[in-house]
Every structure is written in C-alpha cells, then in structure tokens.
C-alpha cells in the first residue's frame, strides 16, 4: 500500500505579479520550484496509481515553471514505473506490479505530474513496458512520441502503423529533424510509406538518416528553402518539429507550390503564406480534459475526445512497436539519480545545450 504522503518536485505559490517579476529579472528555475511533500493521489475508478521509477525531461517542463503552469502544481510529463493500485473499472487489464509508462500533463495539477513518487492516470492512457525494455528507455515515449503521433496520424491523417501505406513516392517535409518529436515523426512517416525530407544542423545529419530520413538539408544554409522546393516541387505535407515563428514560415513556403498542409507544435502559430493550411496542435488535448495555459489569463483548450482516442490507440500498439524496434527512442543521456537532479536537467534544457538527445533520470 502506498504511503499517505509523497515527495514531488513542484512549483511554488507564485502569483501573476511573481511571474511578471520573474520574466523581468530572468530569475533561474530554482526561485520557483522545490521538492516537498504532497498527499499521495488516490486513483478514481477508471485510473491506476503509478509508482514512478524513471522520468524523461522536456522543454515543456521548464516552460510550465516559467509561465504556462499553475502555482503549487507537480511538474513533469514523461514517466515509467510500476502499477501500485488499480481502480475498480480501469481499462487496460492492469495488475499490481505491472511495468507501465506514459505521459501526463505536469505543471497544472497536484496529483498528475511525473516528478513525483506517485501519479494517477486513466487505465487506457498508458502502455505496458515489455520486459526487455528498461524503465529509462520506456520513459522517453511521452511528450515527444505522442506529439509526433498526434501531428502525423491525427492532424495530417497519415496511415497508422499496420495500415495500408500511402502510394509510392509521397513525401513529407519535417523541419528540425533532430528534435525528439521529429525523430519519432520520421519513423512514423516511414511506417506510413512516405519519403522524408528534413532539415537539421550538419552535425546531426547521420543521426536523422539513421532514423530513416531520406534527404537532409542544412537549416542554416539560406539557400536550403529554394533547394528543397526545386528538388521536391510536389511536396504538400509538412511537420514543424521545432515550433517557432521562423520554422512555421519555412514549412509553409516548402508546401506553397501545392497549397499544402502544415502542422506545427506551436499552438499559437500564424502564417502569412497564402493558400497553405496551417494546423496548430498542443499535445495536452490527448487526455480528454479541458485546460488553460497561463491561468487565469491565457488561452483555453476544449475537450477533444478524438485526440484522447488517438492516444489510447497509440499506446495500445506501442509495446509491439517498441519490442520489434519499429519505433526507436531518441538517443538517451542518462542523468544521476534523485529528485535533487531534476533541476539540473531543466537548466540544461533551458540553456539550449541539449541536442539530439533526451535527458532521463531515475527518481530512486
């Protein structure tokens, strides 16, 4: 039985004025977080209680500290661990002791963040870790993998793994091929039968090719856009795996010849390129709950049951894809063990010193 309290890495009781002061003075992460005791969450009838063993770190984690999240909320999204208890009507046929992994929305709740000894999750929104897969590897199939699935399978409508692939010769452009989301997206696109054209820094060329990219261009080369448009005039689909203003525009220009479709990780993205359909997304809609970023003044996102169904479908097929190495994790950079090492990893991510790797640590 789980204890009544647990350790968690969480935001402090910062209000709007504190957020404004932080932005103005560029305080470090340490001013807004601490490891402290929280009540151990109790799973509802449809949830399981997870004892968290390993976590992966993503830029969204420090963004929820800086601005996006709520005060006194547990941080962290990606996790792997074991099932501690199972709700009476939880889906997934879970048993106590099963190896489990997944993603949660850290930074806005006091019972769901992954930087904690325990978390709760709907039974059908997690996946069972094969015995051959370490916890540290399983933890990586969270934000990045789910974002790639959401962008390609749900928004662009590409075939799911196991379905009939697209017609031969169809192509997808991916901006920022070495990001974790893009490395997953490359593999999902290849399983769907597409050729993948991407950009990255020259030092990442071999990496993105090893994950299946067919052609790679240097994003720092100012002539890359025209080179891509000339070599691939029929490109009509693009995924912005970086999620910035410049990358959005680049993608839109790549597919402008065909009045194509672009999906970006930036939920507030806009484009001045005419004739292109720019679709925005945010991973957190996969939980089937309405939420708000930068509360109480930020954008609100409604319930999207189709996204929730997509996550359940993805995690149901993931154990086989991982075990057969059809969907490999990005390279992993293991960190030291312990709650006190979480902050170091987030500072590394925020500094921009992590490229082509996922930071992963074990909590104990």
Foldseek 3Di string as FASTA:
>chain_A
DDDQKWKFKFFAQDDPVNLVVCVVVVDALVVTIDIDMDTADDEAQQKWKFQFWKAWDDLVQVVLRNFWAHHQWGTAWFTKGFTCGHHNNHPDPHDGGFIKIETFDGRYHRAAHRRMRMHMAGNLLIATAPPVDDRQFRRQCYQLLLVLLCVVCPVVNFDFQPDAADDAPAAEEEEACLDQNNLQNQLRNVSNRHAYEYEHAPVCVVVSVVSPHPYYDHPVDPCVLVVLCVVCVQHAHYEYPPADQVSQASRCSSNLSPLHEYEYAHQPYDYPRPSHHYHYDHSNLLRQQKDATRPPPGDIDHRDVVSVVSSSVCSVCPNVCVVVVSRGGFAEDEDEEASVCPSVVNVCVVVVVDIRYIYMYTHD
